[in-house]
Amino acid sequence: MVFAAVASAAASPLPAFSLTKSPCMSDGLAKEHTQSAMVSLPSSHKWRMVIAYDGTKFAGWQYQQSPPTIQCLIEDALTRATKLCRKELCLVGASRTDAGVHAWGQVAHFVTPFMFDSLDTLHAALNGLLPQEIRVREISPVQPQFHARFSTTSKTYHYKIYNHAIMDPFRCLFAYHSTYKLNPVVMREAAAYFVGKHDFTSFANAAHNDRLGNPVKEIFCLDIVETGAVLQLEVEGSGFLFRQVRNMVALLLQIGREALPADVVPQIISARDRKELAKVALSAPPHGLCLMSVNYNSDILEPPQGCPPSSFGRTHSVSKCKLPFY
């Protein structure tokens, strides 16, 4: 039995675990699209994390060392906490968010050749090692067949627009500022055209067709919620192409300004040509976008037998105040 050493930022050392190791399944980072059925080996254990981050100063999720990415920093924290290399951890994220995009409910999985006695200490250690802009909200044991990316049933994104002449300085990092008065009624009319199963080639970034994959996606709902000066676009779909949500938002902004009619949406969808959208709208900026949740069937989230309970973070209490009140 050994104890994993962690940096001084961690609250306490990790609990003991078995030394039995197994080979890594795959890199989990390069060529993720080849991992159509990634399954842990019998002697390995798989863990799911729910992660929130302020993406302002990071170069997106996907691994690269400079400038830093979310995946790179989480792998570094996991490596320091578990003493496993990144190839052994096989960290995979559900969504490869772009530079500047935020997340409240990003999901990732990693594997270890040992079982943790408790996930609370690992959880505290990771959040102690990560920068304050990145928080692990939950760590849970999952079935070997679970895959953060390929097991998804849907993803939900929100895009915030601050529609006022003067920008709220407390929202400037998380909402797009539109000084044009937007008409939410016509925006909702246009949003309804997106709902359903369509070929969204027109809304995929033209410079990244190598990541296009299957352009047919299903949008389950696209709502526009108005709260004071804030318009929030809430979209849930089976999956999204590269920059698809930001391009959809860009077109809705033009329609909300009443520069275009609502029925331009089906015309651009049917064109299946990114150049058609480029004639009337540019991509909306990344900082208004947030990945809110990644959804799965409940059965695949059932924990295996004999695993520690999920960790949602520890709270602390003071039994006796050590400082006098004045």
C-alpha atoms as a PDB file:
ATOM      1  CA  MET A   1       0.000   0.000   0.000  1.00  0.00           C
ATOM      2  CA  VAL A   2       1.238   3.460  -0.788  1.00  0.00           C
ATOM      3  CA  PHE A   3       0.086   7.025  -0.340  1.00  0.00           C
ATOM      4  CA  ALA A   4      -0.017   9.442  -3.272  1.00  0.00           C
ATOM      5  CA  ALA A   5       1.904  12.631  -2.530  1.00  0.00           C
ATOM      6  CA  VAL A   6       0.222  15.863  -3.439  1.00  0.00           C
ATOM      7  CA  ALA A   7       1.341  19.457  -3.511  1.00  0.00           C
ATOM      8  CA  SER A   8       1.060  21.676  -0.467  1.00  0.00           C
ATOM      9  CA  ALA A   9      -2.085  23.213  -1.966  1.00  0.00           C
ATOM     10  CA  ALA A  10      -3.966  19.964  -1.281  1.00  0.00           C
ATOM     11  CA  ALA A  11      -5.711  19.704   2.058  1.00  0.00           C
ATOM     12  CA  SER A  12      -4.404  16.207   2.974  1.00  0.00           C
ATOM     13  CA  PRO A  13      -2.679  13.181   1.387  1.00  0.00           C
ATOM     14  CA  LEU A  14      -4.701  10.823  -0.751  1.00  0.00           C
ATOM     15  CA  PRO A  15      -5.910   7.555   0.783  1.00  0.00           C
ATOM     16  CA  ALA A  16      -4.063   4.302   0.238  1.00  0.00           C
ATOM     17  CA  PHE A  17      -4.727   2.280  -2.880  1.00  0.00           C
ATOM     18  CA  SER A  18      -3.569  -0.895  -4.592  1.00  0.00           C
ATOM     19  CA  LEU A  19      -0.343  -0.981  -6.579  1.00  0.00           C
ATOM     20  CA  THR A  20      -1.675  -3.335  -9.274  1.00  0.00           C
ATOM     21  CA  LYS A  21      -1.286  -1.560 -12.634  1.00  0.00           C
ATOM     22  CA  SER A  22      -2.713  -2.212 -16.081  1.00  0.00           C
ATOM     23  CA  PRO A  23      -1.683  -0.865 -19.509  1.00  0.00           C
ATOM     24  CA  CYS A  24      -3.203   2.366 -20.708  1.00  0.00           C
ATOM     25  CA  MET A  25      -6.121   1.997 -23.090  1.00  0.00           C
ATOM     26  CA  SER A  26      -5.118   4.833 -25.382  1.00  0.00           C
ATOM     27  CA  ASP A  27      -3.762   8.366 -25.357  1.00  0.00           C
ATOM     28  CA  GLY A  28      -7.331   9.643 -25.077  1.00  0.00           C
ATOM     29  CA  LEU A  29      -6.281  12.964 -26.607  1.00  0.00           C
ATOM     30  CA  ALA A  30      -4.821  12.506 -30.090  1.00  0.00           C
ATOM     31  CA  LYS A  31      -7.403  11.289 -32.599  1.00  0.00           C
ATOM     32  CA  GLU A  32     -10.288  10.938 -30.154  1.00  0.00           C
ATOM     33  CA  HIS A  33     -12.601  10.104 -33.047  1.00  0.00           C
ATOM     34  CA  THR A  34     -11.006   6.627 -33.312  1.00  0.00           C
ATOM     35  CA  GLN A  35     -12.144   5.731 -29.783  1.00  0.00           C
ATOM     36  CA  SER A  36     -15.606   4.591 -30.772  1.00  0.00           C
ATOM     37  CA  ALA A  37     -15.852   2.001 -27.988  1.00  0.00           C
ATOM     38  CA  MET A  38     -13.282   2.841 -25.345  1.00  0.00           C
ATOM     39  CA  VAL A  39     -13.613   0.358 -22.446  1.00  0.00           C
ATOM     40  CA  SER A  40     -11.453   0.012 -19.344  1.00  0.00           C
ATOM     41  CA  LEU A  41      -9.405  -3.110 -18.930  1.00  0.00           C
ATOM     42  CA  PRO A  42     -10.633  -5.469 -16.171  1.00  0.00           C
ATOM     43  CA  SER A  43      -8.037  -4.282 -13.645  1.00  0.00           C
ATOM     44  CA  SER A  44      -8.612  -0.563 -14.275  1.00  0.00           C
ATOM     45  CA  HIS A  45     -11.223   1.786 -12.821  1.00  0.00           C
ATOM     46  CA  LYS A  46     -13.001   4.658 -14.526  1.00  0.00           C
ATOM     47  CA  TRP A  47     -14.008   7.949 -12.948  1.00  0.00           C
ATOM     48  CA  ARG A  48     -16.286  10.770 -14.139  1.00  0.00           C
ATOM     49  CA  MET A  49     -15.712  14.431 -13.327  1.00  0.00           C
ATOM     50  CA  VAL A  50     -18.094  17.382 -13.714  1.00  0.00           C
ATOM     51  CA  ILE A  51     -16.038  20.530 -14.264  1.00  0.00           C
ATOM     52  CA  ALA A  52     -16.784  24.252 -14.271  1.00  0.00           C
ATOM     53  CA  TYR A  53     -14.434  26.890 -15.637  1.00  0.00           C
ATOM     54  CA  ASP A  54     -14.103  30.508 -16.624  1.00  0.00           C
ATOM     55  CA  GLY A  55     -12.570  30.139 -20.075  1.00  0.00           C
ATOM     56  CA  THR A  56     -11.494  33.777 -20.445  1.00  0.00           C
ATOM     57  CA  LYS A  57      -7.723  33.295 -20.300  1.00  0.00           C
ATOM     58  CA  PHE A  58      -7.469  29.718 -21.540  1.00  0.00           C
ATOM     59  CA  ALA A  59      -6.999  28.400 -25.081  1.00  0.00           C
ATOM     60  CA  GLY A  60     -10.032  26.128 -24.910  1.00  0.00           C
ATOM     61  CA  TRP A  61     -10.367  22.569 -23.619  1.00  0.00           C
ATOM     62  CA  GLN A  62      -8.207  20.536 -26.040  1.00  0.00           C
ATOM     63  CA  TYR A  63      -4.740  19.595 -24.808  1.00  0.00           C
ATOM     64  CA  GLN A  64      -1.832  21.897 -25.556  1.00  0.00           C
ATOM     65  CA  GLN A  65       0.827  23.215 -23.195  1.00  0.00           C
ATOM     66  CA  SER A  66       1.200  26.781 -24.441  1.00  0.00           C
ATOM     67  CA  PRO A  67      -0.964  28.738 -24.201  1.00  0.00           C
ATOM     68  CA  PRO A  68      -2.511  26.625 -21.421  1.00  0.00           C
ATOM     69  CA  THR A  69      -5.748  24.724 -21.923  1.00  0.00           C
ATOM     70  CA  ILE A  70      -8.259  23.344 -19.434  1.00  0.00           C
ATOM     71  CA  GLN A  71      -7.385  19.735 -20.257  1.00  0.00           C
ATOM     72  CA  CYS A  72      -3.670  20.386 -19.840  1.00  0.00           C
ATOM     73  CA  LEU A  73      -4.135  21.911 -16.381  1.00  0.00           C
ATOM     74  CA  ILE A  74      -6.496  19.163 -15.187  1.00  0.00           C
ATOM     75  CA  GLU A  75      -4.114  16.470 -16.428  1.00  0.00           C
ATOM     76  CA  ASP A  76      -1.270  18.161 -14.602  1.00  0.00           C
ATOM     77  CA  ALA A  77      -3.289  18.226 -11.367  1.00  0.00           C
ATOM     78  CA  LEU A  78      -4.303  14.564 -11.785  1.00  0.00           C
ATOM     79  CA  THR A  79      -0.704  13.566 -12.500  1.00  0.00           C
ATOM     80  CA  ARG A  80       0.524  15.284  -9.343  1.00  0.00           C
ATOM     81  CA  ALA A  81      -2.273  13.833  -7.217  1.00  0.00           C
ATOM     82  CA  THR A  82      -2.145  10.235  -8.485  1.00  0.00           C
ATOM     83  CA  LYS A  83       1.484   9.942  -9.683  1.00  0.00           C
ATOM     84  CA  LEU A  84       0.195   8.549 -12.999  1.00  0.00           C
ATOM     85  CA  CYS A  85       1.318   9.875 -16.388  1.00  0.00           C
ATOM     86  CA  ARG A  86      -1.166  11.404 -18.817  1.00  0.00           C
ATOM     87  CA  LYS A  87      -1.117   8.294 -21.033  1.00  0.00           C
ATOM     88  CA  GLU A  88      -2.142   6.177 -18.047  1.00  0.00           C
ATOM     89  CA  LEU A  89      -4.900   8.598 -17.031  1.00  0.00           C
ATOM     90  CA  CYS A  90      -6.424   8.738 -20.550  1.00  0.00           C
ATOM     91  CA  LEU A  91      -8.393  11.910 -19.764  1.00  0.00           C
ATOM     92  CA  VAL A  92     -11.182  12.569 -22.286  1.00  0.00           C
ATOM     93  CA  GLY A  93     -13.626  15.500 -22.275  1.00  0.00           C
ATOM     94  CA  ALA A  94     -17.189  15.462 -23.535  1.00  0.00           C
ATOM     95  CA  SER A  95     -16.897  18.771 -25.396  1.00  0.00           C
ATOM     96  CA  ARG A  96     -13.842  20.473 -26.908  1.00  0.00           C
ATOM     97  CA  THR A  97     -14.841  24.017 -26.041  1.00  0.00           C
ATOM     98  CA  ASP A  98     -13.045  26.824 -27.883  1.00  0.00           C
ATOM     99  CA  ALA A  99     -10.787  29.508 -26.450  1.00  0.00           C
ATOM    100  CA  GLY A 100     -12.795  31.924 -24.322  1.00  0.00           C
ATOM    101  CA  VAL A 101     -15.829  29.639 -23.956  1.00  0.00           C
ATOM    102  CA  HIS A 102     -16.987  28.861 -20.399  1.00  0.00           C
ATOM    103  CA  ALA A 103     -18.464  25.745 -18.817  1.00  0.00           C
ATOM    104  CA  TRP A 104     -20.613  24.921 -15.822  1.00  0.00           C
ATOM    105  CA  GLY A 105     -21.175  21.270 -16.672  1.00  0.00           C
ATOM    106  CA  GLN A 106     -18.247  19.966 -18.733  1.00  0.00           C
ATOM    107  CA  VAL A 107     -17.793  16.216 -18.219  1.00  0.00           C
ATOM    108  CA  ALA A 108     -14.571  14.233 -18.477  1.00  0.00           C
ATOM    109  CA  HIS A 109     -13.445  10.740 -17.558  1.00  0.00           C
ATOM    110  CA  PHE A 110     -10.100   9.268 -16.562  1.00  0.00           C
ATOM    111  CA  VAL A 111      -8.882   5.827 -15.552  1.00  0.00           C
ATOM    112  CA  THR A 112      -6.632   4.513 -12.791  1.00  0.00           C
ATOM    113  CA  PRO A 113      -5.154   1.047 -12.199  1.00  0.00           C
ATOM    114  CA  PHE A 114      -6.211   1.261  -8.537  1.00  0.00           C
ATOM    115  CA  MET A 115      -9.370   1.858  -6.519  1.00  0.00           C
ATOM    116  CA  PHE A 116      -9.690   4.928  -4.308  1.00  0.00           C
ATOM    117  CA  ASP A 117     -10.824   4.380  -0.712  1.00  0.00           C
ATOM    118  CA  SER A 118     -12.523   7.788  -0.814  1.00  0.00           C
ATOM    119  CA  LEU A 119     -12.988  10.384  -3.540  1.00  0.00           C
ATOM    120  CA  ASP A 120     -13.303  13.334  -1.152  1.00  0.00           C
ATOM    121  CA  THR A 121      -9.563  13.669  -0.600  1.00  0.00           C
ATOM    122  CA  LEU A 122      -8.763  13.427  -4.310  1.00  0.00           C
ATOM    123  CA  HIS A 123     -11.478  16.005  -4.987  1.00  0.00           C
ATOM    124  CA  ALA A 124     -10.004  18.442  -2.455  1.00  0.00           C
ATOM    125  CA  ALA A 125      -6.495  17.849  -3.791  1.00  0.00           C
ATOM    126  CA  LEU A 126      -7.462  18.583  -7.396  1.00  0.00           C
ATOM    127  CA  ASN A 127      -9.212  21.819  -6.528  1.00  0.00           C
ATOM    128  CA  GLY A 128      -6.223  22.779  -4.401  1.00  0.00           C
ATOM    129  CA  LEU A 129      -3.872  22.244  -7.331  1.00  0.00           C
ATOM    130  CA  LEU A 130      -5.997  23.860 -10.047  1.00  0.00           C
ATOM    131  CA  PRO A 131      -6.188  27.615 -10.676  1.00  0.00           C
ATOM    132  CA  GLN A 132      -9.243  29.267  -9.167  1.00  0.00           C
ATOM    133  CA  GLU A 133     -10.857  29.676 -12.605  1.00  0.00           C
ATOM    134  CA  ILE A 134     -11.242  25.867 -12.838  1.00  0.00           C
ATOM    135  CA  ARG A 135     -13.256  23.828 -10.327  1.00  0.00           C
ATOM    136  CA  VAL A 136     -14.029  20.120 -10.243  1.00  0.00           C
ATOM    137  CA  ARG A 137     -17.646  20.051  -9.033  1.00  0.00           C
ATOM    138  CA  GLU A 138     -18.077  16.293  -8.782  1.00  0.00           C
ATOM    139  CA  ILE A 139     -16.105  13.044  -9.027  1.00  0.00           C
ATOM    140  CA  SER A 140     -18.006   9.775  -9.426  1.00  0.00           C
ATOM    141  CA  PRO A 141     -17.160   6.136 -10.197  1.00  0.00           C
ATOM    142  CA  VAL A 142     -18.674   4.931 -13.476  1.00  0.00           C
ATOM    143  CA  GLN A 143     -19.101   1.745 -15.477  1.00  0.00           C
ATOM    144  CA  PRO A 144     -16.161   0.633 -17.676  1.00  0.00           C
ATOM    145  CA  GLN A 145     -18.220   1.240 -20.843  1.00  0.00           C
ATOM    146  CA  PHE A 146     -18.902   4.883 -19.950  1.00  0.00           C
ATOM    147  CA  HIS A 147     -17.271   7.377 -22.305  1.00  0.00           C
ATOM    148  CA  ALA A 148     -17.527  11.105 -21.603  1.00  0.00           C
ATOM    149  CA  ARG A 149     -17.841  11.964 -25.289  1.00  0.00           C
ATOM    150  CA  PHE A 150     -19.451   8.979 -27.010  1.00  0.00           C
ATOM    151  CA  SER A 151     -22.014   8.073 -24.321  1.00  0.00           C
ATOM    152  CA  THR A 152     -23.758  11.466 -24.454  1.00  0.00           C
ATOM    153  CA  THR A 153     -27.434  11.750 -25.301  1.00  0.00           C
ATOM    154  CA  SER A 154     -27.466  15.556 -25.525  1.00  0.00           C
ATOM    155  CA  LYS A 155     -25.616  18.764 -24.610  1.00  0.00           C
ATOM    156  CA  THR A 156     -27.016  22.082 -23.426  1.00  0.00           C
ATOM    157  CA  TYR A 157     -25.422  25.458 -24.116  1.00  0.00           C
ATOM    158  CA  HIS A 158     -26.443  28.945 -23.015  1.00  0.00           C
ATOM    159  CA  TYR A 159     -25.451  32.141 -24.780  1.00  0.00           C
ATOM    160  CA  LYS A 160     -25.899  35.424 -22.898  1.00  0.00           C
ATOM    161  CA  ILE A 161     -26.496  38.763 -24.617  1.00  0.00           C
ATOM    162  CA  TYR A 162     -26.544  42.030 -22.678  1.00  0.00           C
ATOM    163  CA  ASN A 163     -28.920  44.254 -24.633  1.00  0.00           C
ATOM    164  CA  HIS A 164     -28.440  47.781 -23.327  1.00  0.00           C
ATOM    165  CA  ALA A 165     -26.647  50.964 -24.369  1.00  0.00           C
ATOM    166  CA  ILE A 166     -24.219  50.660 -21.411  1.00  0.00           C
ATOM    167  CA  MET A 167     -22.525  47.347 -20.646  1.00  0.00           C
ATOM    168  CA  ASP A 168     -22.744  46.006 -17.102  1.00  0.00           C
ATOM    169  CA  PRO A 169     -19.041  45.739 -16.075  1.00  0.00           C
ATOM    170  CA  PHE A 170     -19.837  42.729 -13.875  1.00  0.00           C
ATOM    171  CA  ARG A 171     -21.117  40.793 -16.901  1.00  0.00           C
ATOM    172  CA  CYS A 172     -18.572  41.819 -19.519  1.00  0.00           C
ATOM    173  CA  LEU A 173     -16.597  38.537 -19.321  1.00  0.00           C
ATOM    174  CA  PHE A 174     -19.674  36.339 -19.616  1.00  0.00           C
ATOM    175  CA  ALA A 175     -22.109  38.134 -21.935  1.00  0.00           C
ATOM    176  CA  TYR A 176     -21.952  39.641 -25.418  1.00  0.00           C
ATOM    177  CA  HIS A 177     -22.830  43.345 -25.467  1.00  0.00           C
ATOM    178  CA  SER A 178     -25.351  44.333 -28.128  1.00  0.00           C
ATOM    179  CA  THR A 179     -26.045  48.060 -28.374  1.00  0.00           C
ATOM    180  CA  TYR A 180     -28.628  47.377 -31.088  1.00  0.00           C
ATOM    181  CA  LYS A 181     -32.140  47.019 -29.670  1.00  0.00           C
ATOM    182  CA  LEU A 182     -33.062  43.374 -30.235  1.00  0.00           C
ATOM    183  CA  ASN A 183     -36.566  42.097 -30.882  1.00  0.00           C
ATOM    184  CA  PRO A 184     -36.980  38.850 -28.888  1.00  0.00           C
ATOM    185  CA  VAL A 185     -40.313  38.077 -30.554  1.00  0.00           C
ATOM    186  CA  VAL A 186     -38.835  37.705 -34.048  1.00  0.00           C
ATOM    187  CA  MET A 187     -35.785  35.950 -32.571  1.00  0.00           C
ATOM    188  CA  ARG A 188     -38.078  33.298 -31.055  1.00  0.00           C
ATOM    189  CA  GLU A 189     -39.880  32.942 -34.379  1.00  0.00           C
ATOM    190  CA  ALA A 190     -36.532  32.369 -36.110  1.00  0.00           C
ATOM    191  CA  ALA A 191     -35.278  30.018 -33.378  1.00  0.00           C
ATOM    192  CA  ALA A 192     -38.190  27.645 -34.010  1.00  0.00           C
ATOM    193  CA  TYR A 193     -36.789  26.896 -37.485  1.00  0.00           C
ATOM    194  CA  PHE A 194     -33.649  25.385 -35.923  1.00  0.00           C
ATOM    195  CA  VAL A 195     -35.585  22.806 -33.887  1.00  0.00           C
ATOM    196  CA  GLY A 196     -35.580  19.313 -35.376  1.00  0.00           C
ATOM    197  CA  LYS A 197     -33.093  17.209 -37.316  1.00  0.00           C
ATOM    198  CA  HIS A 198     -31.179  19.134 -39.993  1.00  0.00           C
ATOM    199  CA  ASP A 199     -27.938  19.161 -41.939  1.00  0.00           C
ATOM    200  CA  PHE A 200     -26.082  22.042 -40.247  1.00  0.00           C
ATOM    201  CA  THR A 201     -23.197  22.289 -42.730  1.00  0.00           C
ATOM    202  CA  SER A 202     -24.004  25.992 -43.232  1.00  0.00           C
ATOM    203  CA  PHE A 203     -23.317  26.593 -39.529  1.00  0.00           C
ATOM    204  CA  ALA A 204     -20.001  24.710 -39.248  1.00  0.00           C
ATOM    205  CA  ASN A 205     -16.785  26.714 -39.362  1.00  0.00           C
ATOM    206  CA  ALA A 206     -15.445  26.453 -42.908  1.00  0.00           C
ATOM    207  CA  ALA A 207     -11.800  26.423 -41.779  1.00  0.00           C
ATOM    208  CA  HIS A 208     -12.261  23.218 -39.786  1.00  0.00           C
ATOM    209  CA  ASN A 209     -14.035  20.827 -42.129  1.00  0.00           C
ATOM    210  CA  ASP A 210     -11.674  18.098 -40.945  1.00  0.00           C
ATOM    211  CA  ARG A 211     -13.691  18.162 -37.703  1.00  0.00           C
ATOM    212  CA  LEU A 212     -17.092  18.303 -39.408  1.00  0.00           C
ATOM    213  CA  GLY A 213     -18.049  14.642 -39.035  1.00  0.00           C
ATOM    214  CA  ASN A 214     -21.725  13.934 -39.568  1.00  0.00           C
ATOM    215  CA  PRO A 215     -23.345  17.336 -40.240  1.00  0.00           C
ATOM    216  CA  VAL A 216     -26.838  16.052 -39.388  1.00  0.00           C
ATOM    217  CA  LYS A 217     -27.705  17.043 -35.821  1.00  0.00           C
ATOM    218  CA  GLU A 218     -30.977  17.268 -33.921  1.00  0.00           C
ATOM    219  CA  ILE A 219     -31.923  20.376 -31.957  1.00  0.00           C
ATOM    220  CA  PHE A 220     -34.389  19.411 -29.220  1.00  0.00           C
ATOM    221  CA  CYS A 221     -35.163  22.942 -28.081  1.00  0.00           C
ATOM    222  CA  LEU A 222     -33.960  26.515 -28.551  1.00  0.00           C
ATOM    223  CA  ASP A 223     -35.466  28.993 -26.108  1.00  0.00           C
ATOM    224  CA  ILE A 224     -34.866  32.714 -25.698  1.00  0.00           C
ATOM    225  CA  VAL A 225     -35.316  33.882 -22.117  1.00  0.00           C
ATOM    226  CA  GLU A 226     -35.537  37.613 -21.415  1.00  0.00           C
ATOM    227  CA  THR A 227     -34.555  38.870 -17.934  1.00  0.00           C
ATOM    228  CA  GLY A 228     -34.191  42.621 -17.791  1.00  0.00           C
ATOM    229  CA  ALA A 229     -31.407  43.632 -20.170  1.00  0.00           C
ATOM    230  CA  VAL A 230     -30.202  40.033 -20.541  1.00  0.00           C
ATOM    231  CA  LEU A 231     -31.317  37.774 -23.388  1.00  0.00           C
ATOM    232  CA  GLN A 232     -30.274  34.169 -22.807  1.00  0.00           C
ATOM    233  CA  LEU A 233     -30.371  31.699 -25.685  1.00  0.00           C
ATOM    234  CA  GLU A 234     -30.744  28.158 -24.355  1.00  0.00           C
ATOM    235  CA  VAL A 235     -30.160  25.337 -26.811  1.00  0.00           C
ATOM    236  CA  GLU A 236     -30.154  21.572 -26.308  1.00  0.00           C
ATOM    237  CA  GLY A 237     -29.142  19.194 -29.074  1.00  0.00           C
ATOM    238  CA  SER A 238     -27.856  15.722 -29.815  1.00  0.00           C
ATOM    239  CA  GLY A 239     -24.485  17.264 -30.649  1.00  0.00           C
ATOM    240  CA  PHE A 240     -22.990  20.337 -32.265  1.00  0.00           C
ATOM    241  CA  LEU A 241     -20.524  21.012 -35.063  1.00  0.00           C
ATOM    242  CA  PHE A 242     -17.504  23.232 -34.608  1.00  0.00           C
ATOM    243  CA  ARG A 243     -18.776  26.756 -33.770  1.00  0.00           C
ATOM    244  CA  GLN A 244     -22.324  25.753 -34.679  1.00  0.00           C
ATOM    245  CA  VAL A 245     -23.929  27.400 -31.641  1.00  0.00           C
ATOM    246  CA  ARG A 246     -22.014  30.661 -32.083  1.00  0.00           C
ATOM    247  CA  ASN A 247     -22.977  30.782 -35.755  1.00  0.00           C
ATOM    248  CA  MET A 248     -26.635  30.133 -34.924  1.00  0.00           C
ATOM    249  CA  VAL A 249     -26.503  32.948 -32.366  1.00  0.00           C
ATOM    250  CA  ALA A 250     -24.880  35.282 -34.922  1.00  0.00           C
ATOM    251  CA  LEU A 251     -27.780  34.778 -37.336  1.00  0.00           C
ATOM    252  CA  LEU A 252     -30.354  35.242 -34.570  1.00  0.00           C
ATOM    253  CA  LEU A 253     -28.651  38.512 -33.616  1.00  0.00           C
ATOM    254  CA  GLN A 254     -29.048  39.809 -37.172  1.00  0.00           C
ATOM    255  CA  ILE A 255     -32.695  38.778 -37.141  1.00  0.00           C
ATOM    256  CA  GLY A 256     -33.177  40.365 -33.696  1.00  0.00           C
ATOM    257  CA  ARG A 257     -31.805  43.643 -35.098  1.00  0.00           C
ATOM    258  CA  GLU A 258     -34.449  43.242 -37.829  1.00  0.00           C
ATOM    259  CA  ALA A 259     -31.739  43.333 -40.480  1.00  0.00           C
ATOM    260  CA  LEU A 260     -32.996  39.971 -41.780  1.00  0.00           C
ATOM    261  CA  PRO A 261     -36.407  38.225 -41.782  1.00  0.00           C
ATOM    262  CA  ALA A 262     -36.977  35.152 -39.585  1.00  0.00           C
ATOM    263  CA  ASP A 263     -37.529  32.866 -42.585  1.00  0.00           C
ATOM    264  CA  VAL A 264     -33.911  33.304 -43.693  1.00  0.00           C
ATOM    265  CA  VAL A 265     -33.051  30.491 -41.266  1.00  0.00           C
ATOM    266  CA  PRO A 266     -34.512  27.588 -43.308  1.00  0.00           C
ATOM    267  CA  GLN A 267     -33.030  29.091 -46.469  1.00  0.00           C
ATOM    268  CA  ILE A 268     -29.516  29.063 -45.022  1.00  0.00           C
ATOM    269  CA  ILE A 269     -29.983  25.589 -43.521  1.00  0.00           C
ATOM    270  CA  SER A 270     -31.116  24.169 -46.876  1.00  0.00           C
ATOM    271  CA  ALA A 271     -28.156  25.778 -48.697  1.00  0.00           C
ATOM    272  CA  ARG A 272     -25.712  23.523 -46.783  1.00  0.00           C
ATOM    273  CA  ASP A 273     -22.969  26.021 -47.545  1.00  0.00           C
ATOM    274  CA  ARG A 274     -21.090  28.000 -44.898  1.00  0.00           C
ATOM    275  CA  LYS A 275     -20.537  30.804 -47.420  1.00  0.00           C
ATOM    276  CA  GLU A 276     -24.259  31.561 -47.417  1.00  0.00           C
ATOM    277  CA  LEU A 277     -24.181  32.343 -43.704  1.00  0.00           C
ATOM    278  CA  ALA A 278     -20.925  34.296 -44.072  1.00  0.00           C
ATOM    279  CA  LYS A 279     -22.714  36.703 -46.433  1.00  0.00           C
ATOM    280  CA  VAL A 280     -24.998  37.912 -43.624  1.00  0.00           C
ATOM    281  CA  ALA A 281     -23.367  37.112 -40.266  1.00  0.00           C
ATOM    282  CA  LEU A 282     -20.041  36.499 -38.546  1.00  0.00           C
ATOM    283  CA  SER A 283     -19.578  34.117 -35.612  1.00  0.00           C
ATOM    284  CA  ALA A 284     -20.705  35.494 -32.261  1.00  0.00           C
ATOM    285  CA  PRO A 285     -17.830  36.066 -29.794  1.00  0.00           C
ATOM    286  CA  PRO A 286     -16.910  33.114 -27.542  1.00  0.00           C
ATOM    287  CA  HIS A 287     -17.262  34.773 -24.134  1.00  0.00           C
ATOM    288  CA  GLY A 288     -21.071  34.754 -24.195  1.00  0.00           C
ATOM    289  CA  LEU A 289     -21.174  30.967 -24.580  1.00  0.00           C
ATOM    290  CA  CYS A 290     -21.300  28.473 -21.702  1.00  0.00           C
ATOM    291  CA  LEU A 291     -21.574  24.669 -21.763  1.00  0.00           C
ATOM    292  CA  MET A 292     -24.230  24.100 -19.108  1.00  0.00           C
ATOM    293  CA  SER A 293     -24.643  20.330 -19.084  1.00  0.00           C
ATOM    294  CA  VAL A 294     -23.736  17.104 -20.817  1.00  0.00           C
ATOM    295  CA  ASN A 295     -26.517  14.540 -20.516  1.00  0.00           C
ATOM    296  CA  TYR A 296     -26.418  10.724 -20.367  1.00  0.00           C
ATOM    297  CA  ASN A 297     -28.810   7.835 -19.884  1.00  0.00           C
ATOM    298  CA  SER A 298     -29.132   7.118 -16.172  1.00  0.00           C
ATOM    299  CA  ASP A 299     -28.180   3.442 -16.469  1.00  0.00           C
ATOM    300  CA  ILE A 300     -24.656   4.212 -17.726  1.00  0.00           C
ATOM    301  CA  LEU A 301     -24.086   6.496 -14.730  1.00  0.00           C
ATOM    302  CA  GLU A 302     -24.813   3.695 -12.245  1.00  0.00           C
ATOM    303  CA  PRO A 303     -21.666   3.153 -10.136  1.00  0.00           C
ATOM    304  CA  PRO A 304     -19.986  -0.266 -10.205  1.00  0.00           C
ATOM    305  CA  GLN A 305     -20.188  -2.446  -7.095  1.00  0.00           C
ATOM    306  CA  GLY A 306     -17.612  -1.878  -4.401  1.00  0.00           C
ATOM    307  CA  CYS A 307     -16.713   1.686  -5.424  1.00  0.00           C
ATOM    308  CA  PRO A 308     -16.500   4.667  -3.062  1.00  0.00           C
ATOM    309  CA  PRO A 309     -19.419   7.124  -3.079  1.00  0.00           C
ATOM    310  CA  SER A 310     -19.386  10.171  -5.323  1.00  0.00           C
ATOM    311  CA  SER A 311     -17.726  13.320  -4.039  1.00  0.00           C
ATOM    312  CA  PHE A 312     -19.477  16.678  -4.274  1.00  0.00           C
ATOM    313  CA  GLY A 313     -16.899  18.538  -2.190  1.00  0.00           C
ATOM    314  CA  ARG A 314     -16.441  18.831   1.538  1.00  0.00           C
ATOM    315  CA  THR A 315     -17.745  21.617   3.727  1.00  0.00           C
ATOM    316  CA  HIS A 316     -16.000  22.632   6.932  1.00  0.00           C
ATOM    317  CA  SER A 317     -17.438  23.725  10.247  1.00  0.00           C
ATOM    318  CA  VAL A 318     -15.962  25.355  13.318  1.00  0.00           C
ATOM    319  CA  SER A 319     -16.993  23.758  16.591  1.00  0.00           C
ATOM    320  CA  LYS A 320     -15.659  26.586  18.723  1.00  0.00           C
ATOM    321  CA  CYS A 321     -14.722  30.101  17.718  1.00  0.00           C
ATOM    322  CA  LYS A 322     -11.076  30.762  18.447  1.00  0.00           C
ATOM    323  CA  LEU A 323     -11.371  34.544  18.152  1.00  0.00           C
ATOM    324  CA  PRO A 324     -13.378  36.680  20.588  1.00  0.00           C
ATOM    325  CA  PHE A 325     -16.221  38.793  19.312  1.00  0.00           C
ATOM    326  CA  TYR A 326     -15.975  42.521  19.912  1.00  0.00           C
END
